[in-house]
Structures are given as structure tokens and as C-alpha cells.
Amino acid sequence: MNKKLLSLAFATAAMTACAVASEPNYKVTVNFPDDSCDDAMAYIVDFDSGEPVDSAIVTGGMAVFSGSIATPVMSRITVDGRRSRMFILEQADITIDREKGKASGGVLNGRLASITAQMDSIVALYQSLPQDSASVARGEELEAEYMAIPEKAIAENIANPIGLYFFLQNASEMDLTTLDEQLKKYPSFASSKRVGKLRESLVAKKETSVGGKYKDFEITYNGKTSKLSDYVGKGKYTLVDFWASWCGPCVREIATIKSLYNEYHDKGLDVLGVAVWDEPANTEAAISQHQIPWPVIINAQTIPTDLYGISGIPCIILFDPEGNIVSRDQQGEDLVRDVTAAMSK
């Protein structure tokens, strides 16, 4: 569908909605730094659900949204795959400067800006401290002050998106037990789709931690179907590297894995690469560029990362000959230590 037809479709939908919707109670004006986005469709996207809330065509370096919402929503602007910083879509006249990444307008946006400014000021103070022993105590005080701000923001904003926003930031560093404890404290956040997805990931990670059994998956690429079970649980130790061509730490870890492969492959260690979150052509180019000698399952995308609760890569897992997990999430010297210990058996 061309842009004119797409515009007409949205306009028709908006006219139809007017018959049943209330009067607009928000207006969002987005200023773009140049006219490179002109004629593109911009969207307001619900940060929690990932669903589009509103749309507008960029014209003259500007997109203007107008509509009605019942409750505020933590949101971001997306255009041509690019995403802005978060803002709160609320019943107000809101202006977003894409170049500076700032949103103004509305009570909640003002409150969020104030909280963020407090945190930024503490960071600036911390960074300005002299690098000496006398500053250690003051540094610890600033760290404590910094950590207290999100906790206070959550407690004071349980009923609006600010509370969920800071809860999610804290939750990204939690294990499953801690997350469940926090959800007992703040049960309203349990209905969040992002919180639910995070919890599912933590459950999957717990089930595939050291002592767990491998979970099989299959990927079809270029007419060939590969399963993890084609390589794991076949009577040998198998090191599985979940990686991507664009990931700097992944590429740096290849040297460590190569060293282990060269030392232990003839002694019974197999290595398998699983390319996730990557374009197949880029994966294939990286395999050639870095001269990776072990097999790689290409175009796995999110299938294994969902299954194993992988939130960051590289994620390297060592399976024993029966497919039990004996090491996970180790890199560098720690990975060498675990593989060496396993192969010494």
C-alpha cells in the first residue's frame, strides 16, 4: 500500500472512530531534527504492550498526534524502526524534541523529568569526586541516595506508569525469587505484559541453569532443519555459544572458544554456535570472516533465547555427555576454568 492510500486508510479509520470516541484529550507534537523522516508514518507505541496507540504522518519535520485516552500510558515514538526515549501519554498538550530526547507537558511527564534530573545530578556529583581514599565514604553515600530514588518513585507512583517504569528497571537485575517477593509487595505490577514476560524468562533461566537438562529446539534454514539434540546429549561434552555477528562481546569471545576447541576437540569436546537475533547473511559473513570451524545453527532468532531465558549474549552453556548443564554464562578465564575442569574428568 502506498503512502497516500495508507494516509487515507488512517484518516477513514479516524473519522469512523469519531462517531463513538470522546473528544480528544491529548495532543502530542514531535519535532524531528531534520526533514529526513518526512512522509514517513510515525507511531505512538505503548511501552508495556508494544501495541500502537496512535499514528501520524511526518510533515515538515513534525508529527502531530491527537486523540483520547482514559488512563496515562508509558509510551515512545517510533518511525522507520527508530525509537525515541520514553514519555508518558497523558491528558495534556505534550511536546517531544527528538534531537534532545526530551518530553514536556503534563503532570506525570513533569514528575518523571524531575525524578530523572535528581538521579542525573547525583551521577554528576559522583563523577566529580576526586579519585582518592577520602572520597570513598562520600561515594557510598551518593550510591545509596541514587538507589533510594527509584524505590521512592515506585512507592509513590504505583497507580501510574512512573511506578511501573522504575519497577521494570529494577526488575531487570532481579532473580526469580526476588521478583516474586517484589510482586507480593507491589501486586498491581503483575498484570504488566513486560513483567510477565520477564518472569517467564527468569523461570526458563532457572530451569536451564547448572544442574538442569537441555531443552531441545529446531530451526529450519535454507531447507535444512537442525535440532539442538543433533549435537547435545550424544556422549560428548558440548559447548554451545548463543551469539550474533553484531555483538562485540560475542566476537571477542570467539578467540577463547577457539582456544578451547583447539585444545580439547580431539579429546572429546564438541562446539556448536547458535546465531540468535541476527540476519542470516550477516551470520554467514561473520562465520567466514572469523573462520569459525564448528557448526553453527543459523537464523535461530528468539526461539532458543526464549526457551533458555537468555536476556543477553554471548550466552555460553556447557552440556555434559548426557545433556546436563554443567556451566552457564561464563566467559574468558571463567569459561576456560569450567571447560578444563569438565574435560579433566
Protein backbone atom coordinates (compact mmCIF):
# COMPACT_ATOMS: atom_id res chain seq x y z
CA MET A 1 0.00 0.00 0.00
CA ASN A 2 1.48 3.41 -0.96
CA LYS A 3 1.73 6.29 1.49
CA LYS A 4 -1.26 8.22 0.10
CA LEU A 5 -3.52 5.16 0.39
CA LEU A 6 -2.14 4.42 3.83
CA SER A 7 -2.87 8.00 4.89
CA LEU A 8 -6.42 7.71 3.54
CA ALA A 9 -6.92 4.44 5.42
CA PHE A 10 -5.88 6.01 8.71
CA ALA A 11 -7.98 9.10 8.03
CA THR A 12 -11.04 6.96 7.30
CA ALA A 13 -10.48 4.95 10.47
CA ALA A 14 -10.17 8.14 12.49
CA MET A 15 -13.41 9.56 11.03
CA THR A 16 -15.23 6.33 11.88
CA ALA A 17 -13.87 6.40 15.42
CA CYS A 18 -15.12 9.95 15.91
CA ALA A 19 -18.67 8.70 15.91
CA VAL A 20 -18.08 6.72 19.11
CA ALA A 21 -14.98 8.23 20.72
CA SER A 22 -14.95 11.10 23.19
CA GLU A 23 -13.41 14.46 22.46
CA PRO A 24 -9.58 14.42 22.13
CA ASN A 25 -7.87 14.92 25.48
CA TYR A 26 -4.25 14.73 24.37
CA LYS A 27 -2.11 16.34 21.71
CA VAL A 28 1.45 15.22 21.09
CA THR A 29 3.73 17.28 18.86
CA VAL A 30 7.02 15.65 17.85
CA ASN A 31 9.80 17.77 16.38
CA PHE A 32 12.38 15.95 14.27
CA PRO A 33 15.92 17.38 13.88
CA ASP A 34 15.63 17.46 10.08
CA ASP A 35 13.22 16.56 7.29
CA SER A 36 14.69 13.09 6.67
CA CYS A 37 11.58 11.49 8.17
CA ASP A 38 9.11 13.48 6.06
CA ASP A 39 6.26 11.42 4.59
CA ALA A 40 7.05 8.52 6.95
CA MET A 41 4.42 7.15 9.30
CA ALA A 42 5.18 7.81 12.99
CA TYR A 43 3.56 5.85 15.80
CA ILE A 44 2.95 6.26 19.49
CA VAL A 45 3.60 2.81 20.92
CA ASP A 46 2.54 1.51 24.32
CA PHE A 47 5.86 0.65 26.02
CA ASP A 48 4.38 -2.17 28.08
CA SER A 49 2.35 -3.99 25.44
CA GLY A 50 4.28 -2.94 22.33
CA GLU A 51 0.97 -2.10 20.63
CA PRO A 52 0.49 1.11 18.59
CA VAL A 53 -1.74 3.69 20.24
CA ASP A 54 -1.86 6.38 17.55
CA SER A 55 -0.25 7.30 14.22
CA ALA A 56 0.55 10.41 12.21
CA ILE A 57 2.49 11.24 9.05
CA VAL A 58 5.65 13.31 9.47
CA THR A 59 5.37 16.58 7.55
CA GLY A 60 7.85 19.43 7.57
CA GLY A 61 9.92 17.77 10.28
CA MET A 62 6.92 17.42 12.57
CA ALA A 63 4.29 14.85 13.53
CA VAL A 64 1.16 15.82 15.43
CA PHE A 65 -0.98 13.25 17.23
CA SER A 66 -4.39 13.93 18.71
CA GLY A 67 -6.73 11.54 20.45
CA SER A 68 -8.34 10.41 23.65
CA ILE A 69 -7.11 8.09 26.42
CA ALA A 70 -8.74 7.03 29.65
CA THR A 71 -5.56 6.45 31.63
CA PRO A 72 -1.92 7.52 31.12
CA VAL A 73 0.39 5.19 29.20
CA MET A 74 4.19 4.93 29.22
CA SER A 75 4.98 5.33 25.53
CA ARG A 76 7.61 6.02 22.91
CA ILE A 77 7.61 7.37 19.36
CA THR A 78 8.74 5.07 16.56
CA VAL A 79 9.38 5.99 12.95
CA ASP A 80 11.15 3.87 10.32
CA GLY A 81 12.23 1.44 13.03
CA ARG A 82 13.83 4.16 15.16
CA ARG A 83 12.59 4.65 18.71
CA SER A 84 12.53 7.71 20.93
CA ARG A 85 13.10 7.86 24.65
CA MET A 86 10.13 7.11 26.87
CA PHE A 87 7.44 9.66 27.68
CA ILE A 88 4.01 9.45 29.29
CA LEU A 89 1.00 9.78 27.05
CA GLU A 90 -1.42 11.59 29.32
CA GLN A 91 -4.32 14.02 29.06
CA ALA A 92 -2.23 17.05 28.18
CA ASP A 93 -0.56 19.04 25.42
CA ILE A 94 2.84 17.33 25.06
CA THR A 95 5.87 18.35 23.03
CA ILE A 96 8.71 15.95 22.24
CA ASP A 97 12.09 17.06 20.95
CA ARG A 98 13.57 14.04 19.21
CA GLU A 99 17.02 15.63 18.96
CA LYS A 100 17.30 16.27 22.71
CA GLY A 101 15.20 13.26 23.68
CA LYS A 102 13.01 15.32 26.00
CA ALA A 103 9.26 15.44 26.54
CA SER A 104 7.44 18.34 28.17
CA GLY A 105 3.81 18.88 29.07
CA GLY A 106 1.56 17.11 31.55
CA VAL A 107 1.80 16.46 35.29
CA LEU A 108 3.34 12.99 35.00
CA ASN A 109 5.91 13.97 32.38
CA GLY A 110 6.97 16.81 34.66
CA ARG A 111 7.26 14.44 37.61
CA LEU A 112 9.28 11.92 35.60
CA ALA A 113 11.61 14.68 34.39
CA SER A 114 12.13 15.83 37.98
CA ILE A 115 12.99 12.30 39.18
CA THR A 116 15.38 11.78 36.27
CA ALA A 117 17.05 15.13 36.95
CA GLN A 118 17.61 14.14 40.59
CA MET A 119 19.30 10.93 39.50
CA ASP A 120 21.41 12.72 36.89
CA SER A 121 22.60 15.28 39.43
CA ILE A 122 23.79 12.51 41.76
CA VAL A 123 25.66 10.84 38.91
CA ALA A 124 27.34 14.16 38.09
CA LEU A 125 28.39 14.61 41.73
CA TYR A 126 29.73 11.07 41.90
CA GLN A 127 31.76 11.54 38.73
CA SER A 128 33.22 14.80 40.05
CA LEU A 129 34.64 13.19 43.20
CA PRO A 130 38.44 13.10 43.43
CA GLN A 131 39.96 9.67 42.91
CA ASP A 132 41.29 9.28 46.44
CA SER A 133 40.55 7.31 49.58
CA ALA A 134 38.91 10.29 51.27
CA SER A 135 36.12 10.23 48.68
CA VAL A 136 35.16 6.59 49.23
CA ALA A 137 32.67 7.28 52.01
CA ARG A 138 31.04 10.14 50.09
CA GLY A 139 30.81 7.92 47.03
CA GLU A 140 28.98 5.27 49.04
CA GLU A 141 26.57 7.91 50.35
CA LEU A 142 25.81 9.07 46.81
CA GLU A 143 25.25 5.50 45.66
CA ALA A 144 22.75 4.97 48.48
CA GLU A 145 20.97 8.22 47.61
CA TYR A 146 20.82 7.21 43.96
CA MET A 147 19.36 3.76 44.69
CA ALA A 148 16.75 5.23 47.03
CA ILE A 149 15.22 7.44 44.33
CA PRO A 150 13.70 4.63 42.17
CA GLU A 151 12.39 2.86 45.29
CA LYS A 152 10.65 6.03 46.39
CA ALA A 153 9.35 6.67 42.86
CA ILE A 154 7.82 3.19 42.74
CA ALA A 155 6.11 3.52 46.13
CA GLU A 156 4.70 6.95 45.29
CA ASN A 157 3.54 6.09 41.76
CA ILE A 158 2.02 2.61 41.99
CA ALA A 159 -1.14 3.78 40.24
CA ASN A 160 0.56 5.40 37.22
CA PRO A 161 3.19 4.49 34.59
CA ILE A 162 6.08 6.06 36.51
CA GLY A 163 5.89 3.31 39.13
CA LEU A 164 5.91 0.55 36.51
CA TYR A 165 8.76 2.22 34.61
CA PHE A 166 11.09 2.20 37.61
CA PHE A 167 9.89 -1.21 38.75
CA LEU A 168 10.89 -2.65 35.38
CA GLN A 169 14.31 -1.01 35.60
CA ASN A 170 14.91 -2.67 38.98
CA ALA A 171 13.36 -5.97 37.88
CA SER A 172 15.84 -6.37 35.04
CA GLU A 173 18.52 -7.06 37.69
CA MET A 174 16.42 -9.45 39.80
CA ASP A 175 16.41 -13.23 40.03
CA LEU A 176 13.13 -15.13 40.11
CA THR A 177 12.87 -15.28 43.91
CA THR A 178 13.47 -11.54 44.30
CA LEU A 179 11.00 -10.69 41.54
CA ASP A 180 8.28 -12.79 43.16
CA GLU A 181 8.94 -11.11 46.50
CA GLN A 182 8.64 -7.68 44.89
CA LEU A 183 5.39 -8.66 43.14
CA LYS A 184 3.94 -9.61 46.52
CA LYS A 185 4.87 -6.13 47.69
CA TYR A 186 3.52 -4.47 44.51
CA PRO A 187 0.83 -6.87 43.18
CA SER A 188 -0.57 -4.33 40.71
CA PHE A 189 2.55 -4.70 38.54
CA ALA A 190 1.87 -8.41 37.99
CA SER A 191 -0.61 -7.51 35.22
CA SER A 192 2.14 -5.81 33.19
CA LYS A 193 2.96 -7.68 30.00
CA ARG A 194 6.64 -6.80 30.31
CA VAL A 195 6.76 -8.03 33.89
CA GLY A 196 5.01 -11.23 32.84
CA LYS A 197 7.47 -11.79 30.01
CA LEU A 198 10.40 -11.09 32.33
CA ARG A 199 9.10 -13.62 34.84
CA GLU A 200 8.68 -16.25 32.11
CA SER A 201 12.28 -15.61 31.09
CA LEU A 202 13.53 -16.00 34.67
CA VAL A 203 11.60 -19.26 35.04
CA ALA A 204 13.18 -20.54 31.82
CA LYS A 205 16.63 -19.46 33.00
CA LYS A 206 16.17 -21.22 36.35
CA GLU A 207 15.11 -24.41 34.60
CA THR A 208 18.20 -24.28 32.37
CA SER A 209 20.78 -23.31 34.97
CA VAL A 210 23.58 -25.58 36.17
CA GLY A 211 22.10 -28.95 37.09
CA GLY A 212 19.23 -28.67 34.62
CA LYS A 213 18.68 -30.70 31.47
CA TYR A 214 18.93 -29.34 27.95
CA LYS A 215 15.73 -28.21 26.23
CA ASP A 216 15.55 -29.16 22.59
CA PHE A 217 14.58 -26.84 19.74
CA GLU A 218 14.69 -27.00 15.98
CA ILE A 219 15.45 -24.38 13.35
CA THR A 220 14.85 -24.61 9.63
CA TYR A 221 17.05 -22.51 7.36
CA ASN A 222 17.60 -22.89 3.60
CA GLY A 223 15.55 -26.07 3.59
CA LYS A 224 17.64 -27.75 6.31
CA THR A 225 16.27 -28.44 9.78
CA SER A 226 18.71 -28.57 12.68
CA LYS A 227 17.94 -29.58 16.26
CA LEU A 228 19.95 -28.93 19.39
CA SER A 229 19.59 -32.66 20.10
CA ASP A 230 21.54 -33.37 16.90
CA TYR A 231 24.60 -32.17 18.83
CA VAL A 232 23.85 -32.30 22.58
CA GLY A 233 23.47 -35.46 24.66
CA LYS A 234 25.39 -37.58 22.18
CA GLY A 235 28.04 -38.84 24.58
CA LYS A 236 30.42 -35.85 24.44
CA TYR A 237 30.81 -32.58 26.29
CA THR A 238 29.32 -29.87 24.06
CA LEU A 239 29.94 -26.15 24.36
CA VAL A 240 27.05 -24.16 22.86
CA ASP A 241 27.61 -20.49 22.06
CA PHE A 242 24.48 -18.35 21.57
CA TRP A 243 25.79 -15.32 19.69
CA ALA A 244 25.23 -12.73 16.93
CA SER A 245 27.50 -11.13 14.34
CA TRP A 246 26.78 -7.57 15.56
CA CYS A 247 27.60 -8.36 19.19
CA GLY A 248 31.08 -7.12 20.13
CA PRO A 249 31.47 -9.29 23.25
CA CYS A 250 30.33 -12.31 21.22
CA VAL A 251 33.02 -11.71 18.59
CA ARG A 252 35.69 -11.18 21.25
CA GLU A 253 34.76 -14.46 22.93
CA ILE A 254 35.35 -16.42 19.72
CA ALA A 255 39.10 -16.39 20.43
CA THR A 256 38.56 -18.05 23.83
CA ILE A 257 36.26 -20.68 22.35
CA LYS A 258 38.72 -21.34 19.51
CA SER A 259 41.47 -21.92 22.05
CA LEU A 260 39.30 -24.43 23.91
CA TYR A 261 38.26 -26.07 20.65
CA ASN A 262 41.85 -26.48 19.51
CA GLU A 263 42.91 -27.92 22.85
CA TYR A 264 40.03 -30.25 23.58
CA HIS A 265 38.20 -31.12 20.36
CA ASP A 266 40.38 -34.15 19.68
CA LYS A 267 39.85 -35.16 23.32
CA GLY A 268 36.07 -35.24 23.04
CA LEU A 269 34.79 -31.66 23.22
CA ASP A 270 32.31 -30.52 20.59
CA VAL A 271 31.40 -26.88 19.98
CA LEU A 272 28.18 -25.56 18.44
CA GLY A 273 27.26 -21.99 17.55
CA VAL A 274 23.63 -20.84 17.61
CA ALA A 275 23.06 -17.49 15.85
CA VAL A 276 20.27 -15.51 17.53
CA TRP A 277 18.77 -12.05 16.91
CA ASP A 278 20.74 -11.78 13.66
CA GLU A 279 20.29 -11.57 9.90
CA PRO A 280 21.35 -14.87 8.30
CA ALA A 281 23.54 -13.16 5.69
CA ASN A 282 25.42 -11.31 8.43
CA THR A 283 25.87 -14.53 10.40
CA GLU A 284 27.31 -16.30 7.36
CA ALA A 285 29.67 -13.42 6.66
CA ALA A 286 30.89 -13.48 10.27
CA ILE A 287 31.46 -17.24 10.16
CA SER A 288 33.71 -16.73 7.14
CA GLN A 289 35.42 -13.60 8.47
CA HIS A 290 36.28 -15.14 11.84
CA GLN A 291 37.00 -18.59 10.38
CA ILE A 292 34.71 -20.42 12.77
CA PRO A 293 35.45 -24.15 12.41
CA TRP A 294 32.50 -25.57 14.35
CA PRO A 295 28.92 -25.96 13.05
CA VAL A 296 26.50 -23.04 13.50
CA ILE A 297 22.70 -23.16 13.58
CA ILE A 298 21.68 -20.08 11.60
CA ASN A 299 18.59 -17.88 11.95
CA ALA A 300 17.52 -19.17 15.36
CA GLN A 301 16.27 -15.66 16.32
CA THR A 302 14.32 -15.73 19.61
CA ILE A 303 13.39 -19.42 19.73
CA PRO A 304 16.32 -20.61 21.89
CA THR A 305 16.65 -17.37 23.84
CA ASP A 306 13.02 -17.63 24.98
CA LEU A 307 13.50 -21.31 25.81
CA TYR A 308 16.65 -20.73 27.87
CA GLY A 309 15.72 -17.35 29.36
CA ILE A 310 18.63 -15.61 27.66
CA SER A 311 18.47 -11.84 28.07
CA GLY A 312 21.99 -11.02 26.87
CA ILE A 313 24.62 -12.52 24.62
CA PRO A 314 27.01 -14.18 24.39
CA CYS A 315 25.39 -16.87 26.48
CA ILE A 316 27.65 -19.91 26.58
CA ILE A 317 26.41 -23.21 28.00
CA LEU A 318 28.45 -26.38 28.57
CA PHE A 319 26.50 -29.63 28.42
CA ASP A 320 27.84 -32.93 29.70
CA PRO A 321 27.66 -36.15 27.61
CA GLU A 322 24.09 -36.82 28.83
CA GLY A 323 22.89 -33.29 28.07
CA ASN A 324 23.00 -31.95 31.62
CA ILE A 325 24.10 -28.33 32.10
CA VAL A 326 27.42 -28.08 33.94
CA SER A 327 28.30 -24.44 33.19
CA ARG A 328 26.36 -21.39 32.04
CA ASP A 329 27.02 -17.70 31.41
CA GLN A 330 30.78 -17.89 31.82
CA GLN A 331 33.31 -16.06 29.67
CA GLY A 332 37.06 -15.66 29.42
CA GLU A 333 39.08 -17.26 32.21
CA ASP A 334 35.94 -18.46 34.00
CA LEU A 335 34.83 -20.33 30.89
CA VAL A 336 38.30 -21.84 30.44
CA ARG A 337 38.24 -22.97 34.10
CA ASP A 338 34.85 -24.69 33.75
CA VAL A 339 35.70 -26.43 30.47
CA THR A 340 39.11 -27.53 31.77
CA ALA A 341 37.52 -28.95 34.92
CA ALA A 342 34.93 -30.86 32.89
CA MET A 343 37.43 -32.25 30.40
CA SER A 344 39.79 -33.34 33.20
CA LYS A 345 37.14 -35.86 34.24
